Amino acid sequence: MVKLADVTGIGPATIKVLAEHKIKTVEALAAISLTDLQKIPGFSGAIRARTVKQSAADCLQAKPVKPSSTPVERTQVKVKKTPSIKTETSPIVSQPEPVKLNSESKKKKRNVEKQKNKVKNKKDKNKKKDNKKKGKNKKKS
């Protein structure tokens, strides 16, 4: 048996309102005329009244599913696992080999670093001299 609560759009509050208007079954809801349903509070809109009435009719047409009296046999299927074949793959992108520096290029690299250090040391010395000169000038004035 289908209950009013099974109808889409009908909840506990609506069931109470329908009961006050002597509609207690889904059959009674499906049988009521659309104009009479619209007179009930909460169904004054044509859309809600039409959809609830249609939903009640749909619930009556749907056949309830009965559980079968015989238990369903469950069979287990064993899946045979096949051994997977492993293949060796070569790397798609190979890493470049590090560049080996010969003795001449190593010397050049060292010389460049020495030149950079000399320039840096000169700048540091010049800054110190300038700071000392500024300090003497401040004392005289």
C-alpha atoms as a PDB file:
ATOM      1  CA  MET A   1       0.000   0.000   0.000  1.00  0.00           C
ATOM      2  CA  VAL A   2       1.313   3.424  -0.970  1.00  0.00           C
ATOM      3  CA  LYS A   3       1.308   6.094   1.729  1.00  0.00           C
ATOM      4  CA  LEU A   4       0.802   9.826   1.304  1.00  0.00           C
ATOM      5  CA  ALA A   5       4.357  10.366   2.493  1.00  0.00           C
ATOM      6  CA  ASP A   6       5.559   8.406  -0.565  1.00  0.00           C
ATOM      7  CA  VAL A   7       4.109  11.026  -2.916  1.00  0.00           C
ATOM      8  CA  THR A   8       6.640  13.560  -4.141  1.00  0.00           C
ATOM      9  CA  GLY A   9       5.945  16.988  -2.647  1.00  0.00           C
ATOM     10  CA  ILE A  10       4.028  15.710   0.367  1.00  0.00           C
ATOM     11  CA  GLY A  11       5.603  15.991   3.808  1.00  0.00           C
ATOM     12  CA  PRO A  12       4.293  15.616   7.383  1.00  0.00           C
ATOM     13  CA  ALA A  13       2.779  19.119   7.508  1.00  0.00           C
ATOM     14  CA  THR A  14       0.977  18.648   4.196  1.00  0.00           C
ATOM     15  CA  ILE A  15      -0.375  15.268   5.334  1.00  0.00           C
ATOM     16  CA  LYS A  16      -2.007  17.017   8.315  1.00  0.00           C
ATOM     17  CA  VAL A  17      -3.545  19.687   6.074  1.00  0.00           C
ATOM     18  CA  LEU A  18      -4.899  17.064   3.682  1.00  0.00           C
ATOM     19  CA  ALA A  19      -6.297  15.004   6.593  1.00  0.00           C
ATOM     20  CA  GLU A  20      -8.211  18.078   7.804  1.00  0.00           C
ATOM     21  CA  HIS A  21      -9.866  18.143   4.366  1.00  0.00           C
ATOM     22  CA  LYS A  22     -10.692  14.412   4.501  1.00  0.00           C
ATOM     23  CA  ILE A  23      -7.950  13.293   2.107  1.00  0.00           C
ATOM     24  CA  LYS A  24      -6.154  10.444   3.860  1.00  0.00           C
ATOM     25  CA  THR A  25      -5.045   8.169   1.026  1.00  0.00           C
ATOM     26  CA  VAL A  26      -3.085   8.472  -2.202  1.00  0.00           C
ATOM     27  CA  GLU A  27      -6.165   7.267  -4.085  1.00  0.00           C
ATOM     28  CA  ALA A  28      -8.246  10.122  -2.652  1.00  0.00           C
ATOM     29  CA  LEU A  29      -5.527  12.640  -3.577  1.00  0.00           C
ATOM     30  CA  ALA A  30      -5.344  11.350  -7.152  1.00  0.00           C
ATOM     31  CA  ALA A  31      -9.153  11.355  -7.473  1.00  0.00           C
ATOM     32  CA  ILE A  32      -9.819  14.897  -6.223  1.00  0.00           C
ATOM     33  CA  SER A  33     -10.469  17.505  -8.884  1.00  0.00           C
ATOM     34  CA  LEU A  34      -7.823  20.124  -9.559  1.00  0.00           C
ATOM     35  CA  THR A  35     -10.127  23.005  -8.567  1.00  0.00           C
ATOM     36  CA  ASP A  36     -11.033  21.329  -5.251  1.00  0.00           C
ATOM     37  CA  LEU A  37      -7.335  20.680  -4.523  1.00  0.00           C
ATOM     38  CA  GLN A  38      -6.544  24.355  -5.181  1.00  0.00           C
ATOM     39  CA  LYS A  39      -9.032  25.349  -2.467  1.00  0.00           C
ATOM     40  CA  ILE A  40      -6.889  23.577   0.158  1.00  0.00           C
ATOM     41  CA  PRO A  41      -4.294  25.842   1.840  1.00  0.00           C
ATOM     42  CA  GLY A  42      -0.847  25.234   0.397  1.00  0.00           C
ATOM     43  CA  PHE A  43      -2.204  24.105  -2.983  1.00  0.00           C
ATOM     44  CA  SER A  44      -3.611  27.406  -4.218  1.00  0.00           C
ATOM     45  CA  GLY A  45      -0.991  27.606  -6.950  1.00  0.00           C
ATOM     46  CA  ALA A  46      -1.949  25.699 -10.091  1.00  0.00           C
ATOM     47  CA  ILE A  47       1.553  24.337 -10.540  1.00  0.00           C
ATOM     48  CA  ARG A  48       1.847  22.753  -7.076  1.00  0.00           C
ATOM     49  CA  ALA A  49      -1.656  21.308  -7.182  1.00  0.00           C
ATOM     50  CA  ARG A  50      -1.067  19.833 -10.648  1.00  0.00           C
ATOM     51  CA  THR A  51       2.334  18.334  -9.796  1.00  0.00           C
ATOM     52  CA  VAL A  52       1.187  16.767  -6.511  1.00  0.00           C
ATOM     53  CA  LYS A  53      -1.930  15.317  -8.168  1.00  0.00           C
ATOM     54  CA  GLN A  54       0.210  13.907 -10.995  1.00  0.00           C
ATOM     55  CA  SER A  55       2.727  12.508  -8.516  1.00  0.00           C
ATOM     56  CA  ALA A  56      -0.074  10.755  -6.622  1.00  0.00           C
ATOM     57  CA  ALA A  57      -1.337   9.215  -9.867  1.00  0.00           C
ATOM     58  CA  ASP A  58       2.200   8.081 -10.723  1.00  0.00           C
ATOM     59  CA  CYS A  59       2.565   6.424  -7.305  1.00  0.00           C
ATOM     60  CA  LEU A  60      -0.634   4.452  -7.899  1.00  0.00           C
ATOM     61  CA  GLN A  61       0.512   3.259 -11.324  1.00  0.00           C
ATOM     62  CA  ALA A  62       3.914   2.142 -10.111  1.00  0.00           C
ATOM     63  CA  LYS A  63       3.935  -1.509  -9.183  1.00  0.00           C
ATOM     64  CA  PRO A  64       5.445  -2.198  -5.778  1.00  0.00           C
ATOM     65  CA  VAL A  65       8.414  -4.529  -5.909  1.00  0.00           C
ATOM     66  CA  LYS A  66       7.815  -7.627  -3.821  1.00  0.00           C
ATOM     67  CA  PRO A  67      10.762  -9.514  -2.413  1.00  0.00           C
ATOM     68  CA  SER A  68      11.042 -12.987  -3.921  1.00  0.00           C
ATOM     69  CA  SER A  69      10.162 -15.841  -1.617  1.00  0.00           C
ATOM     70  CA  THR A  70      13.116 -17.950  -2.710  1.00  0.00           C
ATOM     71  CA  PRO A  71      16.539 -16.781  -1.680  1.00  0.00           C
ATOM     72  CA  VAL A  72      18.780 -15.713  -4.508  1.00  0.00           C
ATOM     73  CA  GLU A  73      21.750 -17.984  -4.981  1.00  0.00           C
ATOM     74  CA  ARG A  74      25.015 -16.175  -4.953  1.00  0.00           C
ATOM     75  CA  THR A  75      27.713 -17.768  -6.955  1.00  0.00           C
ATOM     76  CA  GLN A  76      31.317 -16.905  -6.694  1.00  0.00           C
ATOM     77  CA  VAL A  77      33.298 -16.627  -9.834  1.00  0.00           C
ATOM     78  CA  LYS A  78      36.984 -17.250  -9.583  1.00  0.00           C
ATOM     79  CA  VAL A  79      39.085 -15.109 -11.832  1.00  0.00           C
ATOM     80  CA  LYS A  80      42.236 -16.737 -13.023  1.00  0.00           C
ATOM     81  CA  LYS A  81      45.161 -14.370 -12.875  1.00  0.00           C
ATOM     82  CA  THR A  82      47.555 -14.481 -15.747  1.00  0.00           C
ATOM     83  CA  PRO A  83      51.181 -13.645 -15.123  1.00  0.00           C
ATOM     84  CA  SER A  84      52.075 -10.244 -16.420  1.00  0.00           C
ATOM     85  CA  ILE A  85      54.882  -9.886 -18.875  1.00  0.00           C
ATOM     86  CA  LYS A  86      57.520  -7.430 -17.812  1.00  0.00           C
ATOM     87  CA  THR A  87      59.406  -5.657 -20.524  1.00  0.00           C
ATOM     88  CA  GLU A  88      62.466  -3.559 -20.153  1.00  0.00           C
ATOM     89  CA  THR A  89      62.120  -0.057 -21.467  1.00  0.00           C
ATOM     90  CA  SER A  90      64.802   2.406 -22.233  1.00  0.00           C
ATOM     91  CA  PRO A  91      64.496   5.907 -20.859  1.00  0.00           C
ATOM     92  CA  ILE A  92      62.791   8.241 -23.265  1.00  0.00           C
ATOM     93  CA  VAL A  93      64.922  11.223 -22.428  1.00  0.00           C
ATOM     94  CA  SER A  94      68.501  10.663 -21.505  1.00  0.00           C
ATOM     95  CA  GLN A  95      70.293  13.048 -19.188  1.00  0.00           C
ATOM     96  CA  PRO A  96      73.148  14.968 -20.745  1.00  0.00           C
ATOM     97  CA  GLU A  97      76.551  13.959 -19.539  1.00  0.00           C
ATOM     98  CA  PRO A  98      78.380  16.557 -17.474  1.00  0.00           C
ATOM     99  CA  VAL A  99      80.889  18.566 -19.421  1.00  0.00           C
ATOM    100  CA  LYS A 100      84.417  17.643 -18.452  1.00  0.00           C
ATOM    101  CA  LEU A 101      86.742  20.599 -18.280  1.00  0.00           C
ATOM    102  CA  ASN A 102      90.256  20.170 -19.550  1.00  0.00           C
ATOM    103  CA  SER A 103      93.164  21.797 -17.733  1.00  0.00           C
ATOM    104  CA  GLU A 104      93.178  24.913 -19.965  1.00  0.00           C
ATOM    105  CA  SER A 105      89.517  25.707 -19.397  1.00  0.00           C
ATOM    106  CA  LYS A 106      89.998  25.182 -15.667  1.00  0.00           C
ATOM    107  CA  LYS A 107      92.812  27.738 -15.681  1.00  0.00           C
ATOM    108  CA  LYS A 108      90.691  30.234 -17.595  1.00  0.00           C
ATOM    109  CA  LYS A 109      87.872  29.788 -15.131  1.00  0.00           C
ATOM    110  CA  ARG A 110      90.218  30.382 -12.191  1.00  0.00           C
ATOM    111  CA  ASN A 111      91.662  33.484 -13.844  1.00  0.00           C
ATOM    112  CA  VAL A 112      88.202  34.946 -14.403  1.00  0.00           C
ATOM    113  CA  GLU A 113      87.341  34.339 -10.738  1.00  0.00           C
ATOM    114  CA  LYS A 114      90.597  35.981  -9.638  1.00  0.00           C
ATOM    115  CA  GLN A 115      89.859  39.051 -11.775  1.00  0.00           C
ATOM    116  CA  LYS A 116      86.386  39.328 -10.233  1.00  0.00           C
ATOM    117  CA  ASN A 117      87.859  39.081  -6.744  1.00  0.00           C
ATOM    118  CA  LYS A 118      90.482  41.778  -7.524  1.00  0.00           C
ATOM    119  CA  VAL A 119      87.808  44.173  -8.758  1.00  0.00           C
ATOM    120  CA  LYS A 120      85.703  43.497  -5.698  1.00  0.00           C
ATOM    121  CA  ASN A 121      88.651  44.029  -3.339  1.00  0.00           C
ATOM    122  CA  LYS A 122      89.521  47.361  -5.027  1.00  0.00           C
ATOM    123  CA  LYS A 123      85.948  48.556  -4.618  1.00  0.00           C
ATOM    124  CA  ASP A 124      85.984  47.585  -0.937  1.00  0.00           C
ATOM    125  CA  LYS A 125      89.294  49.469  -0.375  1.00  0.00           C
ATOM    126  CA  ASN A 126      87.971  52.555  -2.150  1.00  0.00           C
ATOM    127  CA  LYS A 127      84.856  52.553   0.020  1.00  0.00           C
ATOM    128  CA  LYS A 128      86.957  52.377   3.165  1.00  0.00           C
ATOM    129  CA  LYS A 129      89.152  55.286   2.001  1.00  0.00           C
ATOM    130  CA  ASP A 130      86.078  57.360   1.156  1.00  0.00           C
ATOM    131  CA  ASN A 131      84.580  56.652   4.565  1.00  0.00           C
ATOM    132  CA  LYS A 132      87.809  57.728   6.288  1.00  0.00           C
ATOM    133  CA  LYS A 133      87.971  60.978   4.268  1.00  0.00           C
ATOM    134  CA  LYS A 134      84.355  61.765   5.134  1.00  0.00           C
ATOM    135  CA  GLY A 135      85.106  61.192   8.795  1.00  0.00           C
ATOM    136  CA  LYS A 136      88.077  63.632   8.734  1.00  0.00           C
ATOM    137  CA  ASN A 137      86.053  66.285   6.919  1.00  0.00           C
ATOM    138  CA  LYS A 138      83.342  66.123   9.549  1.00  0.00           C
ATOM    139  CA  LYS A 139      85.837  66.597  12.391  1.00  0.00           C
ATOM    140  CA  LYS A 140      87.323  69.759  10.801  1.00  0.00           C
ATOM    141  CA  SER A 141      84.021  71.487  10.374  1.00  0.00           C
END
